Amino acid sequence: MSVDSPEQSQKLRARLGMELPLYTDTEGNAAKAWQVFDAESEFALAASFVVAPGGAVIYRYIGTSKADRPAAAELLAAVPQPTNE
């Protein structure tokens, strides 16, 4: 999710060759709700969350800059693996 305009998000998606959809929230409502909106700069902080099926946040990473993101392995390690019950 991004506070960028839909047009900016589509340009980024095309530039990176992304197949996943990018969602926009130009008012920053989601970033405010997740407490990652920087009112001074009017940008959302780089953040990653893993939410369990019941809605509990089981992983939260708030970056200190646009480029500060967790390593893919760290993020994937936070995702619960299915059990064979």
N, C-alpha and C. Protein backbone atom coordinates (compact mmCIF):
# COMPACT_ATOMS: atom_id res chain seq x y z
N MET A 1 0.86 -1.16 0.00
CA MET A 1 0.00 0.00 0.00
C MET A 1 0.91 1.22 0.00
N SER A 2 0.49 2.20 -0.74
CA SER A 2 1.30 3.40 -0.90
C SER A 2 0.44 4.65 -0.81
N VAL A 3 1.03 5.73 -0.34
CA VAL A 3 0.34 7.02 -0.35
C VAL A 3 0.55 7.73 -1.68
N ASP A 4 1.27 7.10 -2.60
CA ASP A 4 1.46 7.66 -3.94
C ASP A 4 0.14 7.62 -4.71
N SER A 5 0.06 8.43 -5.75
CA SER A 5 -1.13 8.43 -6.60
C SER A 5 -1.21 7.10 -7.35
N PRO A 6 -2.39 6.72 -7.82
CA PRO A 6 -2.50 5.50 -8.62
C PRO A 6 -1.59 5.53 -9.85
N GLU A 7 -1.44 6.70 -10.46
CA GLU A 7 -0.57 6.81 -11.63
C GLU A 7 0.89 6.53 -11.27
N GLN A 8 1.35 7.09 -10.15
CA GLN A 8 2.72 6.85 -9.71
C GLN A 8 2.93 5.37 -9.39
N SER A 9 1.95 4.76 -8.74
CA SER A 9 2.06 3.34 -8.40
C SER A 9 2.13 2.48 -9.65
N GLN A 10 1.34 2.80 -10.68
CA GLN A 10 1.36 2.03 -11.91
C GLN A 10 2.70 2.18 -12.63
N LYS A 11 3.28 3.37 -12.59
CA LYS A 11 4.61 3.57 -13.20
C LYS A 11 5.65 2.73 -12.48
N LEU A 12 5.59 2.71 -11.15
CA LEU A 12 6.53 1.90 -10.37
C LEU A 12 6.33 0.42 -10.69
N ARG A 13 5.10 -0.01 -10.75
CA ARG A 13 4.78 -1.40 -11.06
C ARG A 13 5.35 -1.79 -12.42
N ALA A 14 5.18 -0.92 -13.41
CA ALA A 14 5.71 -1.19 -14.75
C ALA A 14 7.23 -1.20 -14.76
N ARG A 15 7.83 -0.23 -14.06
CA ARG A 15 9.31 -0.14 -14.04
C ARG A 15 9.93 -1.36 -13.39
N LEU A 16 9.28 -1.89 -12.34
CA LEU A 16 9.82 -3.05 -11.63
C LEU A 16 9.35 -4.38 -12.20
N GLY A 17 8.45 -4.32 -13.18
CA GLY A 17 7.93 -5.55 -13.77
C GLY A 17 7.11 -6.37 -12.80
N MET A 18 6.42 -5.70 -11.91
CA MET A 18 5.64 -6.40 -10.89
C MET A 18 4.34 -6.94 -11.47
N GLU A 19 4.00 -8.14 -11.05
CA GLU A 19 2.74 -8.73 -11.47
C GLU A 19 1.68 -8.57 -10.39
N LEU A 20 2.10 -8.32 -9.17
CA LEU A 20 1.15 -8.15 -8.07
C LEU A 20 0.51 -6.77 -8.14
N PRO A 21 -0.72 -6.64 -7.68
CA PRO A 21 -1.35 -5.31 -7.68
C PRO A 21 -0.71 -4.41 -6.62
N LEU A 22 -0.72 -3.13 -6.88
CA LEU A 22 -0.29 -2.14 -5.90
C LEU A 22 -1.52 -1.33 -5.51
N TYR A 23 -1.74 -1.19 -4.23
CA TYR A 23 -2.90 -0.44 -3.75
C TYR A 23 -2.46 0.93 -3.28
N THR A 24 -3.29 1.91 -3.53
CA THR A 24 -2.97 3.28 -3.14
C THR A 24 -3.94 3.78 -2.09
N ASP A 25 -3.43 4.65 -1.24
CA ASP A 25 -4.20 5.28 -0.17
C ASP A 25 -3.68 6.71 -0.06
N THR A 26 -4.10 7.54 -1.00
CA THR A 26 -3.52 8.88 -1.10
C THR A 26 -3.78 9.76 0.13
N GLU A 27 -4.77 9.43 0.92
CA GLU A 27 -5.04 10.18 2.15
C GLU A 27 -4.22 9.68 3.34
N GLY A 28 -3.57 8.52 3.17
CA GLY A 28 -2.75 7.96 4.24
C GLY A 28 -3.55 7.34 5.37
N ASN A 29 -4.81 7.01 5.13
CA ASN A 29 -5.64 6.47 6.21
C ASN A 29 -5.12 5.14 6.76
N ALA A 30 -4.68 4.26 5.87
CA ALA A 30 -4.14 2.97 6.33
C ALA A 30 -2.85 3.19 7.11
N ALA A 31 -1.97 4.05 6.60
CA ALA A 31 -0.70 4.32 7.29
C ALA A 31 -0.96 4.94 8.66
N LYS A 32 -1.96 5.80 8.75
CA LYS A 32 -2.31 6.39 10.05
C LYS A 32 -2.84 5.32 11.00
N ALA A 33 -3.70 4.45 10.49
CA ALA A 33 -4.27 3.39 11.33
C ALA A 33 -3.19 2.43 11.83
N TRP A 34 -2.17 2.19 11.00
CA TRP A 34 -1.08 1.29 11.37
C TRP A 34 0.05 2.04 12.08
N GLN A 35 -0.15 3.32 12.29
CA GLN A 35 0.80 4.19 13.01
C GLN A 35 2.17 4.26 12.32
N VAL A 36 2.14 4.39 11.00
CA VAL A 36 3.38 4.51 10.24
C VAL A 36 3.35 5.73 9.31
N PHE A 37 2.46 6.67 9.59
CA PHE A 37 2.35 7.88 8.77
C PHE A 37 3.15 8.99 9.42
N ASP A 38 4.05 9.61 8.65
CA ASP A 38 4.85 10.73 9.13
C ASP A 38 4.15 12.01 8.67
N ALA A 39 3.45 12.66 9.60
CA ALA A 39 2.66 13.85 9.26
C ALA A 39 3.53 14.99 8.74
N GLU A 40 4.75 15.10 9.23
CA GLU A 40 5.64 16.18 8.80
C GLU A 40 5.97 16.09 7.32
N SER A 41 6.30 14.90 6.86
CA SER A 41 6.66 14.73 5.45
C SER A 41 5.47 14.32 4.59
N GLU A 42 4.38 13.95 5.23
CA GLU A 42 3.18 13.45 4.57
C GLU A 42 3.45 12.19 3.76
N PHE A 43 4.35 11.36 4.26
CA PHE A 43 4.67 10.08 3.67
C PHE A 43 4.50 8.98 4.70
N ALA A 44 4.21 7.80 4.22
CA ALA A 44 4.20 6.63 5.09
C ALA A 44 5.63 6.14 5.24
N LEU A 45 5.96 5.70 6.44
CA LEU A 45 7.27 5.10 6.66
C LEU A 45 7.28 3.72 6.00
N ALA A 46 8.45 3.27 5.60
CA ALA A 46 8.57 1.91 5.07
C ALA A 46 8.24 0.95 6.20
N ALA A 47 7.27 0.10 6.01
CA ALA A 47 6.86 -0.81 7.06
C ALA A 47 6.40 -2.13 6.47
N SER A 48 6.60 -3.19 7.23
CA SER A 48 6.15 -4.53 6.82
C SER A 48 5.44 -5.17 8.00
N PHE A 49 4.34 -5.83 7.72
CA PHE A 49 3.56 -6.51 8.75
C PHE A 49 3.21 -7.90 8.27
N VAL A 50 3.16 -8.84 9.20
CA VAL A 50 2.59 -10.16 8.93
C VAL A 50 1.41 -10.28 9.88
N VAL A 51 0.25 -10.53 9.31
CA VAL A 51 -0.98 -10.62 10.09
C VAL A 51 -1.48 -12.06 10.03
N ALA A 52 -1.71 -12.64 11.20
CA ALA A 52 -2.21 -14.01 11.29
C ALA A 52 -3.66 -14.08 10.84
N PRO A 53 -4.14 -15.26 10.48
CA PRO A 53 -5.53 -15.38 10.03
C PRO A 53 -6.56 -14.79 10.99
N GLY A 54 -6.32 -14.83 12.27
CA GLY A 54 -7.26 -14.27 13.24
C GLY A 54 -7.17 -12.76 13.38
N GLY A 55 -6.21 -12.14 12.68
CA GLY A 55 -6.08 -10.69 12.71
C GLY A 55 -4.98 -10.17 13.61
N ALA A 56 -4.29 -11.04 14.35
CA ALA A 56 -3.21 -10.60 15.23
C ALA A 56 -1.97 -10.27 14.40
N VAL A 57 -1.32 -9.16 14.71
CA VAL A 57 -0.07 -8.80 14.06
C VAL A 57 1.03 -9.62 14.72
N ILE A 58 1.66 -10.50 13.94
CA ILE A 58 2.68 -11.38 14.51
C ILE A 58 4.09 -10.97 14.11
N TYR A 59 4.19 -9.98 13.24
CA TYR A 59 5.50 -9.44 12.86
C TYR A 59 5.27 -8.00 12.43
N ARG A 60 6.16 -7.12 12.91
CA ARG A 60 6.05 -5.70 12.58
C ARG A 60 7.47 -5.16 12.42
N TYR A 61 7.72 -4.52 11.29
CA TYR A 61 9.03 -3.89 11.05
C TYR A 61 8.77 -2.49 10.53
N ILE A 62 9.24 -1.51 11.26
CA ILE A 62 9.10 -0.12 10.85
C ILE A 62 10.48 0.39 10.48
N GLY A 63 10.66 0.76 9.23
CA GLY A 63 11.96 1.23 8.77
C GLY A 63 12.24 2.65 9.21
N THR A 64 13.51 3.01 9.17
CA THR A 64 13.93 4.36 9.53
C THR A 64 14.14 5.24 8.31
N SER A 65 14.04 4.64 7.11
CA SER A 65 14.15 5.38 5.86
C SER A 65 13.38 4.61 4.79
N LYS A 66 13.23 5.22 3.61
CA LYS A 66 12.52 4.53 2.53
C LYS A 66 13.18 3.20 2.16
N ALA A 67 14.49 3.14 2.26
CA ALA A 67 15.22 1.95 1.86
C ALA A 67 15.36 0.92 2.98
N ASP A 68 14.97 1.27 4.20
CA ASP A 68 15.12 0.37 5.34
C ASP A 68 13.96 -0.61 5.40
N ARG A 69 14.22 -1.80 4.90
CA ARG A 69 13.21 -2.85 4.86
C ARG A 69 13.83 -4.14 5.35
N PRO A 70 13.03 -5.05 5.87
CA PRO A 70 13.58 -6.32 6.33
C PRO A 70 14.05 -7.16 5.15
N ALA A 71 15.00 -8.02 5.42
CA ALA A 71 15.44 -8.97 4.39
C ALA A 71 14.29 -9.92 4.10
N ALA A 72 14.21 -10.37 2.86
CA ALA A 72 13.13 -11.29 2.48
C ALA A 72 13.10 -12.52 3.37
N ALA A 73 14.27 -13.05 3.71
CA ALA A 73 14.32 -14.26 4.55
C ALA A 73 13.72 -13.98 5.93
N GLU A 74 13.98 -12.80 6.47
CA GLU A 74 13.42 -12.45 7.78
C GLU A 74 11.90 -12.36 7.71
N LEU A 75 11.42 -11.72 6.68
CA LEU A 75 9.98 -11.57 6.51
C LEU A 75 9.31 -12.93 6.30
N LEU A 76 9.88 -13.75 5.44
CA LEU A 76 9.31 -15.07 5.20
C LEU A 76 9.37 -15.96 6.43
N ALA A 77 10.40 -15.81 7.25
CA ALA A 77 10.50 -16.60 8.47
C ALA A 77 9.39 -16.26 9.45
N ALA A 78 8.83 -15.07 9.35
CA ALA A 78 7.76 -14.66 10.26
C ALA A 78 6.39 -15.22 9.84
N VAL A 79 6.30 -15.73 8.62
CA VAL A 79 5.04 -16.28 8.13
C VAL A 79 4.86 -17.69 8.66
N PRO A 80 3.77 -17.93 9.38
CA PRO A 80 3.56 -19.29 9.92
C PRO A 80 3.41 -20.31 8.80
N GLN A 81 4.00 -21.45 9.01
CA GLN A 81 3.90 -22.54 8.04
C GLN A 81 2.67 -23.38 8.35
N PRO A 82 1.99 -23.86 7.31
CA PRO A 82 0.80 -24.69 7.56
C PRO A 82 1.18 -25.98 8.26
N THR A 83 0.30 -26.45 9.08
CA THR A 83 0.53 -27.72 9.78
C THR A 83 -0.30 -28.81 9.12
N ASN A 84 0.18 -30.02 9.22
CA ASN A 84 -0.54 -31.18 8.66
C ASN A 84 -1.29 -31.86 9.79
N GLU A 85 -2.40 -31.30 10.13
CA GLU A 85 -3.19 -31.87 11.23
C GLU A 85 -4.26 -32.78 10.70
